[in-house]
Amino acid sequence: MFRISIAWFVVVALIPWSTKLAGAQEPVAKPWRLSYTDNTQAGGGLTKVEFYETRQEAEAAKALCVLANDGSRGLDPSAALPYTNIRIDQVAPTEWQSHLADNVKEAKEAVDKAKEIKEKGLATLAKGRKLGDTLREYRKALERVMSHVKQLRSTLVSMTGTIERGTFEQINRTIEDFNQQAEDYNERVTSPRTVLQLQRENGGRIIGPREFPTIETLDTVGPDELKGTLADDGGASLLAGKKGRANFAGSEMPVQFHHDGTITFGGESNPIRGHFVESGNRVTIVTETFEYRGTIDGNTISGTRRRRGGSGQEPFSISWGTPSAAGVWRQPPAFTVGGDGRLYRMDYRITLRAGGTGVYEAWGYLPKITSNFKWKQEGDRVFFDCGPNAVGTRWYRLEGDKLIDEDDPDPKTTMTRSAR
């Protein structure tokens, strides 16, 4: 019994390794197909297909499944087998591409099914359905999506030869769709409102993360991860070759989108590297630390970024051509003579945040003043919306590191970009 337990442990460790061997080369190079039903993944009963160069490799992978079943029987004869319907056959050279297309379709259908379950479940809450039941069903659907998407991602990474950019972007788009659903679920189960409602549904018992754990998100695939060669897209990218400025967390740094799908933030001495994936006017950027999701609008990307592995989000923007006005600005200080004959100073700071909100601060000989306002940028013109009839509601012109009041271009009212 002890020896069987060790064998079972080894097999479980090796199964993911065998899956990695299943990546596609050119279609003719992997003519042997191993198919089986995987009952170990979340959702259970998923059909898996792997392709191998030789029958011997396929037989070796099949033997791992059989060994896993034998180990399971030894530990608990009544337990369901982890792998069933195991078979090997030879396929036509073009069947690999068809299989990949089917995988993409199945993953997308699973994502759409999860969305449908969530929307129908939430719509019936008013009719007496419990929120907990909807969240459990939603989670089960997302776990099934995750199994599809993980297999799809592994396949893309291990492919060799030429990889069509359309296929590459379609798979990344499916990963993004899953991530958005997973983040939606995570936000719902961790919100105070949900926790309170679940507590009421369960007679006052506190429902914790053990019963509703969060779901991990998956990284999109960067061009640098591919074993194969990404086909030239014929200049379809909206971002490749662009140089601009990124604004987030009150700071600004240069950014460059490269033609190979990679991106660099910062200067040449210590750049932050990552990759970007476009889907229409949507873009996802992934670095070692952050994941950015935004929408392309003209010469600007606006959206949110989150720390990988974290839950909080903050706005960001990237602009090229005319630089973004987002950042910190200072007006020249004002001086006045007080009743005691002494000279007093007043300082001013204006913070324009990515996303269109701003903060005006003034401090010195008067108590500190803070007010919020909205702003927008149209080319080199910037509009401050401080409210109807407010003195600060006006247009400014962006010239390098200066914001100049169009109605009163006096140096005393001109703002200069500042580090803080």
Protein backbone atom coordinates (compact mmCIF):
# COMPACT_ATOMS: atom_id res chain seq x y z
CA MET A 1 0.00 0.00 0.00
CA PHE A 2 2.82 2.40 0.81
CA ARG A 3 4.50 1.70 -2.51
CA ILE A 4 1.24 2.37 -4.40
CA SER A 5 0.82 5.68 -2.61
CA ILE A 6 4.27 6.80 -3.72
CA ALA A 7 3.52 5.72 -7.31
CA TRP A 8 0.31 7.72 -7.24
CA PHE A 9 2.19 10.81 -6.03
CA VAL A 10 4.75 10.46 -8.83
CA VAL A 11 2.06 10.03 -11.49
CA VAL A 12 0.15 13.11 -10.35
CA ALA A 13 3.38 15.10 -10.57
CA LEU A 14 4.11 13.77 -14.08
CA ILE A 15 0.72 14.32 -15.70
CA PRO A 16 1.22 18.08 -16.27
CA TRP A 17 4.67 17.27 -17.71
CA SER A 18 3.13 14.92 -20.23
CA THR A 19 0.63 17.57 -21.19
CA LYS A 20 3.48 19.96 -22.01
CA LEU A 21 4.80 17.40 -24.48
CA ALA A 22 1.54 17.73 -26.36
CA GLY A 23 2.25 21.06 -28.03
CA ALA A 24 1.96 21.18 -31.79
CA GLN A 25 4.75 21.43 -34.27
CA GLU A 26 3.90 21.52 -37.96
CA PRO A 27 0.70 19.46 -38.43
CA VAL A 28 2.46 16.55 -40.15
CA ALA A 29 4.98 16.22 -37.29
CA LYS A 30 2.43 15.05 -34.68
CA PRO A 31 0.27 12.36 -36.30
CA TRP A 32 -0.48 10.28 -33.15
CA ARG A 33 -3.42 11.34 -31.04
CA LEU A 34 -4.12 10.37 -27.43
CA SER A 35 -7.64 11.19 -26.25
CA TYR A 36 -9.14 10.59 -22.81
CA THR A 37 -11.68 11.92 -20.34
CA ASP A 38 -10.01 13.83 -17.50
CA ASN A 39 -12.05 13.54 -14.30
CA THR A 40 -9.46 15.26 -12.09
CA GLN A 41 -10.06 18.86 -13.18
CA ALA A 42 -12.62 21.25 -11.76
CA GLY A 43 -15.92 20.56 -13.46
CA GLY A 44 -14.85 16.95 -14.22
CA GLY A 45 -15.46 14.87 -17.31
CA LEU A 46 -13.46 17.00 -19.74
CA THR A 47 -12.27 15.43 -22.99
CA LYS A 48 -8.53 15.99 -23.45
CA VAL A 49 -6.60 15.48 -26.70
CA GLU A 50 -2.82 15.37 -27.03
CA PHE A 51 -0.70 14.92 -30.15
CA TYR A 52 2.68 13.14 -30.38
CA GLU A 53 5.34 12.54 -33.01
CA THR A 54 5.54 8.76 -32.52
CA ARG A 55 3.21 6.03 -31.34
CA GLN A 56 5.75 5.17 -28.62
CA GLU A 57 5.37 8.66 -27.10
CA ALA A 58 1.59 8.40 -27.21
CA GLU A 59 1.73 4.93 -25.59
CA ALA A 60 4.00 6.28 -22.84
CA ALA A 61 1.53 9.08 -22.09
CA LYS A 62 -1.32 6.55 -22.11
CA ALA A 63 0.63 4.38 -19.65
CA LEU A 64 0.77 7.32 -17.21
CA CYS A 65 -3.02 7.55 -17.29
CA VAL A 66 -3.38 3.80 -16.75
CA LEU A 67 -0.86 3.89 -13.89
CA ALA A 68 -2.80 6.75 -12.29
CA ASN A 69 -5.97 4.65 -12.50
CA ASP A 70 -4.21 1.63 -10.92
CA GLY A 71 -2.91 3.85 -8.13
CA SER A 72 -6.40 5.21 -7.51
CA ARG A 73 -7.86 1.70 -7.30
CA GLY A 74 -5.16 0.70 -4.82
CA LEU A 75 -5.90 3.64 -2.55
CA ASP A 76 -9.70 3.40 -2.76
CA PRO A 77 -11.28 0.68 -4.95
CA SER A 78 -14.62 2.50 -4.84
CA ALA A 79 -13.22 5.84 -6.01
CA ALA A 80 -13.99 7.14 -9.50
CA LEU A 81 -11.12 6.66 -11.94
CA PRO A 82 -9.17 9.85 -12.73
CA TYR A 83 -8.86 9.01 -16.46
CA THR A 84 -11.38 7.14 -18.62
CA ASN A 85 -12.11 6.52 -22.32
CA ILE A 86 -8.37 6.34 -23.09
CA ARG A 87 -7.55 5.68 -26.75
CA ILE A 88 -4.80 6.20 -29.34
CA ASP A 89 -5.29 6.68 -33.07
CA GLN A 90 -3.52 8.16 -36.07
CA VAL A 91 -4.79 11.40 -37.60
CA ALA A 92 -4.51 13.25 -40.89
CA PRO A 93 -1.76 15.91 -41.11
CA THR A 94 -4.27 18.80 -41.13
CA GLU A 95 -6.30 17.57 -38.19
CA TRP A 96 -4.09 19.34 -35.64
CA GLN A 97 -5.12 22.77 -36.93
CA SER A 98 -8.77 21.71 -36.86
CA HIS A 99 -8.33 20.48 -33.29
CA LEU A 100 -6.84 23.81 -32.22
CA ALA A 101 -9.77 25.69 -33.77
CA ASP A 102 -12.18 23.36 -31.94
CA ASN A 103 -10.38 24.07 -28.64
CA VAL A 104 -10.76 27.82 -29.15
CA LYS A 105 -14.45 27.38 -29.94
CA GLU A 106 -15.06 25.17 -26.89
CA ALA A 107 -13.29 27.62 -24.58
CA LYS A 108 -15.28 30.56 -25.93
CA GLU A 109 -18.55 28.63 -25.57
CA ALA A 110 -17.62 27.82 -21.96
CA VAL A 111 -16.97 31.53 -21.25
CA ASP A 112 -20.33 32.48 -22.79
CA LYS A 113 -22.07 29.77 -20.75
CA ALA A 114 -20.56 31.14 -17.53
CA LYS A 115 -21.81 34.64 -18.41
CA GLU A 116 -25.28 33.24 -19.10
CA ILE A 117 -25.37 31.41 -15.76
CA LYS A 118 -24.39 34.57 -13.90
CA GLU A 119 -26.88 36.81 -15.67
CA LYS A 120 -29.81 34.39 -15.36
CA GLY A 121 -28.97 33.62 -11.75
CA LEU A 122 -28.77 37.26 -10.71
CA ALA A 123 -31.96 38.05 -12.62
CA THR A 124 -33.93 35.45 -10.59
CA LEU A 125 -32.75 36.63 -7.16
CA ALA A 126 -35.88 38.73 -6.80
CA LYS A 127 -37.98 35.58 -7.37
CA GLY A 128 -36.60 33.85 -4.30
CA ARG A 129 -33.39 32.29 -5.60
CA LYS A 130 -30.53 32.46 -3.10
CA LEU A 131 -27.42 34.41 -3.97
CA GLY A 132 -25.27 31.59 -2.60
CA ASP A 133 -26.76 29.11 -5.08
CA THR A 134 -26.09 31.47 -7.99
CA LEU A 135 -22.48 32.06 -6.90
CA ARG A 136 -21.83 28.31 -6.51
CA GLU A 137 -23.18 27.61 -9.99
CA TYR A 138 -21.21 30.55 -11.41
CA ARG A 139 -18.01 29.32 -9.79
CA LYS A 140 -18.51 25.78 -11.08
CA ALA A 141 -18.92 27.13 -14.62
CA LEU A 142 -15.79 29.27 -14.28
CA GLU A 143 -13.75 26.32 -13.03
CA ARG A 144 -14.75 24.46 -16.18
CA VAL A 145 -13.73 27.48 -18.27
CA MET A 146 -10.37 27.55 -16.50
CA SER A 147 -9.67 23.94 -17.50
CA HIS A 148 -10.40 24.77 -21.16
CA VAL A 149 -8.35 27.98 -21.10
CA LYS A 150 -5.35 26.42 -19.34
CA GLN A 151 -5.18 23.70 -21.98
CA LEU A 152 -5.55 26.27 -24.75
CA ARG A 153 -2.78 28.43 -23.29
CA SER A 154 -0.44 25.43 -22.89
CA THR A 155 -1.08 24.43 -26.51
CA LEU A 156 -0.29 27.91 -27.83
CA VAL A 157 2.93 28.21 -25.84
CA SER A 158 4.25 24.82 -27.00
CA MET A 159 3.44 25.19 -30.71
CA THR A 160 6.36 25.40 -33.12
CA GLY A 161 6.56 26.53 -36.72
CA THR A 162 4.55 29.55 -37.88
CA ILE A 163 1.70 30.72 -35.66
CA GLU A 164 -0.95 32.88 -37.29
CA ARG A 165 -1.39 36.19 -35.51
CA GLY A 166 -5.17 35.83 -35.72
CA THR A 167 -5.00 32.54 -33.79
CA PHE A 168 -2.59 34.06 -31.28
CA GLU A 169 -4.87 37.05 -30.63
CA GLN A 170 -8.02 34.93 -30.52
CA ILE A 171 -6.56 32.69 -27.79
CA ASN A 172 -5.37 35.70 -25.79
CA ARG A 173 -8.80 37.28 -26.18
CA THR A 174 -10.37 34.14 -24.73
CA ILE A 175 -7.96 34.30 -21.78
CA GLU A 176 -8.92 37.95 -21.24
CA ASP A 177 -12.64 37.08 -21.32
CA PHE A 178 -12.09 34.40 -18.68
CA ASN A 179 -10.05 36.79 -16.52
CA GLN A 180 -12.79 39.41 -16.63
CA GLN A 181 -15.34 36.84 -15.50
CA ALA A 182 -13.03 35.55 -12.75
CA GLU A 183 -12.42 39.09 -11.47
CA ASP A 184 -16.16 39.78 -11.54
CA TYR A 185 -16.77 36.66 -9.42
CA ASN A 186 -13.93 37.54 -7.02
CA GLU A 187 -15.27 41.06 -6.51
CA ARG A 188 -18.75 39.73 -5.85
CA VAL A 189 -17.78 37.10 -3.25
CA THR A 190 -15.49 39.49 -1.36
CA SER A 191 -17.76 42.54 -1.31
CA PRO A 192 -19.22 43.43 2.13
CA ARG A 193 -22.70 43.50 0.61
CA THR A 194 -22.40 39.90 -0.63
CA VAL A 195 -20.92 38.68 2.66
CA LEU A 196 -23.84 40.25 4.56
CA GLN A 197 -26.43 38.74 2.22
CA LEU A 198 -24.86 35.27 2.45
CA GLN A 199 -24.87 35.62 6.23
CA ARG A 200 -28.60 36.39 6.19
CA GLU A 201 -29.28 33.41 3.90
CA ASN A 202 -27.50 31.11 6.34
CA GLY A 203 -29.21 32.10 9.56
CA GLY A 204 -26.57 34.57 10.67
CA ARG A 205 -23.63 32.18 10.14
CA ILE A 206 -20.60 34.00 8.71
CA ILE A 207 -19.70 32.59 5.30
CA GLY A 208 -15.96 32.82 4.70
CA PRO A 209 -13.55 32.30 1.79
CA ARG A 210 -13.40 28.56 2.46
CA GLU A 211 -16.91 28.15 1.05
CA PHE A 212 -16.51 30.79 -1.67
CA PRO A 213 -12.77 30.90 -2.54
CA THR A 214 -11.57 33.33 -5.18
CA ILE A 215 -10.57 32.15 -8.65
CA GLU A 216 -7.07 32.71 -10.02
CA THR A 217 -6.64 34.64 -13.24
CA LEU A 218 -4.29 33.57 -16.03
CA ASP A 219 -1.64 35.56 -17.85
CA THR A 220 -2.12 36.24 -21.52
CA VAL A 221 0.61 34.81 -23.74
CA GLY A 222 3.43 37.12 -24.77
CA PRO A 223 5.31 36.70 -28.06
CA ASP A 224 8.47 36.00 -26.06
CA GLU A 225 6.85 32.87 -24.58
CA LEU A 226 6.20 31.21 -27.95
CA LYS A 227 8.36 28.40 -29.24
CA GLY A 228 7.10 29.09 -32.73
CA THR A 229 7.32 32.18 -34.90
CA LEU A 230 4.46 34.66 -34.83
CA ALA A 231 3.37 35.50 -38.39
CA ASP A 232 3.68 39.09 -39.55
CA ASP A 233 0.29 40.79 -39.25
CA GLY A 234 0.90 43.11 -42.18
CA GLY A 235 0.83 46.22 -40.03
CA ALA A 236 -2.59 45.51 -38.46
CA SER A 237 -1.38 46.54 -35.01
CA LEU A 238 -2.59 49.95 -33.84
CA LEU A 239 0.25 50.26 -31.32
CA ALA A 240 3.38 48.66 -32.80
CA GLY A 241 6.11 51.27 -33.19
CA LYS A 242 4.39 53.88 -31.02
CA LYS A 243 6.39 55.89 -28.47
CA GLY A 244 4.63 57.83 -25.76
CA ARG A 245 4.22 58.60 -22.07
CA ALA A 246 2.56 56.43 -19.42
CA ASN A 247 0.84 58.01 -16.43
CA PHE A 248 -0.12 56.14 -13.27
CA ALA A 249 0.06 56.53 -9.50
CA GLY A 250 0.90 60.21 -9.91
CA SER A 251 4.05 59.52 -11.94
CA GLU A 252 4.98 59.59 -15.62
CA MET A 253 7.50 57.61 -17.66
CA PRO A 254 8.30 56.95 -21.33
CA VAL A 255 6.84 53.86 -22.97
CA GLN A 256 7.47 52.15 -26.32
CA PHE A 257 5.43 49.49 -28.16
CA HIS A 258 7.67 47.25 -30.30
CA HIS A 259 6.76 45.44 -33.51
CA ASP A 260 7.41 42.00 -31.94
CA GLY A 261 4.58 42.52 -29.43
CA THR A 262 6.81 43.53 -26.51
CA ILE A 263 6.70 46.80 -24.58
CA THR A 264 9.20 48.74 -22.47
CA PHE A 265 8.51 51.31 -19.77
CA GLY A 266 11.17 53.76 -18.57
CA GLY A 267 14.55 54.75 -19.92
CA GLU A 268 17.22 52.61 -21.56
CA SER A 269 19.27 52.24 -18.37
CA ASN A 270 16.69 50.30 -16.34
CA PRO A 271 13.62 49.49 -18.47
CA ILE A 272 10.55 47.56 -17.31
CA ARG A 273 9.73 44.95 -19.94
CA GLY A 274 6.47 43.20 -20.82
CA HIS A 275 4.19 42.34 -23.71
CA PHE A 276 0.94 43.71 -25.10
CA VAL A 277 -2.02 42.04 -26.79
CA GLU A 278 -4.55 43.94 -28.90
CA SER A 279 -8.16 42.94 -29.48
CA GLY A 280 -9.86 45.55 -31.63
CA ASN A 281 -9.60 48.75 -29.62
CA ARG A 282 -8.90 46.87 -26.38
CA VAL A 283 -5.38 46.22 -25.18
CA THR A 284 -3.87 44.16 -22.36
CA ILE A 285 -0.33 44.85 -21.16
CA VAL A 286 1.47 42.43 -18.86
CA THR A 287 4.73 43.09 -17.01
CA GLU A 288 6.35 41.12 -14.21
CA THR A 289 4.51 43.18 -11.59
CA PHE A 290 1.33 44.62 -13.16
CA GLU A 291 -1.43 43.81 -15.63
CA TYR A 292 -2.95 46.76 -17.51
CA ARG A 293 -6.29 46.72 -19.35
CA GLY A 294 -7.37 49.67 -21.40
CA THR A 295 -9.21 51.00 -24.42
CA ILE A 296 -7.53 52.73 -27.37
CA ASP A 297 -9.17 56.04 -28.23
CA GLY A 298 -7.27 58.03 -30.84
CA ASN A 299 -3.76 58.55 -29.50
CA THR A 300 -4.57 57.58 -25.92
CA ILE A 301 -5.08 54.36 -23.96
CA SER A 302 -7.13 54.71 -20.78
CA GLY A 303 -7.97 51.98 -18.30
CA THR A 304 -6.96 50.38 -15.03
CA ARG A 305 -4.01 48.39 -13.81
CA ARG A 306 -3.77 45.88 -10.98
CA ARG A 307 -0.84 44.30 -9.23
CA ARG A 308 -0.55 40.68 -10.34
CA GLY A 309 -1.83 38.49 -7.55
CA GLY A 310 -3.58 41.49 -5.95
CA SER A 311 -7.13 42.81 -6.06
CA GLY A 312 -6.87 46.61 -5.96
CA GLN A 313 -7.00 48.67 -9.16
CA GLU A 314 -5.84 52.15 -10.11
CA PRO A 315 -6.28 54.20 -13.30
CA PHE A 316 -3.57 54.59 -15.92
CA SER A 317 -3.21 56.23 -19.32
CA ILE A 318 -0.72 56.07 -22.17
CA SER A 319 -0.55 58.79 -24.81
CA TRP A 320 1.59 59.31 -27.89
CA GLY A 321 1.91 62.19 -30.31
CA THR A 322 0.77 65.09 -28.14
CA PRO A 323 1.71 64.09 -24.57
CA SER A 324 -0.95 63.56 -21.93
CA ALA A 325 -1.56 66.38 -19.46
CA ALA A 326 -2.04 63.86 -16.65
CA GLY A 327 0.39 64.43 -13.78
CA VAL A 328 1.24 67.07 -11.20
CA TRP A 329 1.33 70.78 -12.05
CA ARG A 330 2.40 73.83 -10.04
CA GLN A 331 1.42 77.47 -10.33
CA PRO A 332 3.86 80.19 -9.23
CA PRO A 333 3.39 80.99 -5.53
CA ALA A 334 1.50 84.15 -4.55
CA PHE A 335 2.76 86.58 -1.91
CA THR A 336 0.90 89.09 0.22
CA VAL A 337 1.73 91.43 3.07
CA GLY A 338 -0.15 90.67 6.26
CA GLY A 339 -1.53 93.10 8.78
CA ASP A 340 1.64 92.65 10.82
CA GLY A 341 3.73 93.94 7.92
CA ARG A 342 5.24 90.50 7.25
CA LEU A 343 5.35 88.82 3.81
CA TYR A 344 3.27 85.66 3.51
CA ARG A 345 3.32 82.96 0.79
CA MET A 346 0.58 80.81 -0.83
CA ASP A 347 1.48 77.65 -2.82
CA TYR A 348 -0.68 75.93 -5.44
CA ARG A 349 -0.67 72.36 -6.78
CA ILE A 350 -2.97 70.81 -9.39
CA THR A 351 -3.01 67.03 -9.85
CA LEU A 352 -4.57 65.69 -13.08
CA ARG A 353 -5.29 61.99 -12.69
CA ALA A 354 -5.59 59.49 -15.52
CA GLY A 355 -9.28 58.90 -16.00
CA GLY A 356 -10.36 62.56 -16.01
CA THR A 357 -10.45 63.63 -12.35
CA GLY A 358 -8.31 66.34 -10.77
CA VAL A 359 -7.49 67.87 -7.38
CA TYR A 360 -6.71 71.53 -6.68
CA GLU A 361 -4.70 72.32 -3.52
CA ALA A 362 -3.65 75.66 -2.05
CA TRP A 363 -1.88 76.25 1.27
CA GLY A 364 0.16 78.88 3.05
CA TYR A 365 -1.02 81.98 4.90
CA LEU A 366 -4.64 80.75 4.62
CA PRO A 367 -5.96 77.34 5.83
CA LYS A 368 -5.37 74.60 3.25
CA ILE A 369 -7.94 74.53 0.45
CA THR A 370 -8.72 71.31 -1.47
CA SER A 371 -11.30 70.92 -4.23
CA ASN A 372 -12.04 68.25 -6.84
CA PHE A 373 -12.84 68.84 -10.48
CA LYS A 374 -13.02 67.07 -13.85
CA TRP A 375 -10.77 67.55 -16.85
CA LYS A 376 -10.43 66.36 -20.43
CA GLN A 377 -7.84 66.68 -23.16
CA GLU A 378 -8.38 67.30 -26.86
CA GLY A 379 -5.03 67.31 -28.62
CA ASP A 380 -2.96 70.09 -27.07
CA ARG A 381 -5.98 71.70 -25.35
CA VAL A 382 -6.99 70.82 -21.79
CA PHE A 383 -10.32 71.74 -20.23
CA PHE A 384 -10.84 72.14 -16.46
CA ASP A 385 -14.49 71.62 -15.44
CA CYS A 386 -14.82 72.98 -11.91
CA GLY A 387 -18.58 73.47 -12.11
CA PRO A 388 -20.95 76.11 -13.56
CA ASN A 389 -19.72 79.68 -13.19
CA ALA A 390 -16.58 78.54 -11.32
CA VAL A 391 -13.49 80.71 -11.82
CA GLY A 392 -11.35 77.67 -12.64
CA THR A 393 -13.61 76.36 -15.46
CA ARG A 394 -11.61 77.20 -18.57
CA TRP A 395 -9.38 75.94 -21.39
CA TYR A 396 -5.60 75.63 -21.15
CA ARG A 397 -3.06 75.03 -23.92
CA LEU A 398 -0.38 72.36 -23.46
CA GLU A 399 3.05 73.56 -24.62
CA GLY A 400 5.81 71.18 -23.57
CA ASP A 401 5.93 71.20 -19.76
CA LYS A 402 3.59 74.19 -19.44
CA LEU A 403 -0.19 74.64 -19.25
CA ILE A 404 -1.11 78.15 -20.39
CA ASP A 405 -4.47 79.74 -19.63
CA GLU A 406 -6.02 80.58 -23.03
CA ASP A 407 -8.06 83.48 -21.58
CA ASP A 408 -5.29 84.87 -19.41
CA PRO A 409 -1.83 83.78 -20.71
CA ASP A 410 -0.08 85.54 -17.84
CA PRO A 411 3.09 83.89 -16.45
CA LYS A 412 1.49 84.17 -13.01
CA THR A 413 -1.30 81.77 -14.04
CA THR A 414 0.83 79.44 -16.17
CA MET A 415 1.32 75.98 -14.67
CA THR A 416 4.56 74.00 -14.90
CA ARG A 417 4.79 70.19 -14.77
CA SER A 418 6.25 68.99 -11.47
CA ALA A 419 7.58 65.74 -10.03
CA ARG A 420 5.35 66.09 -6.95
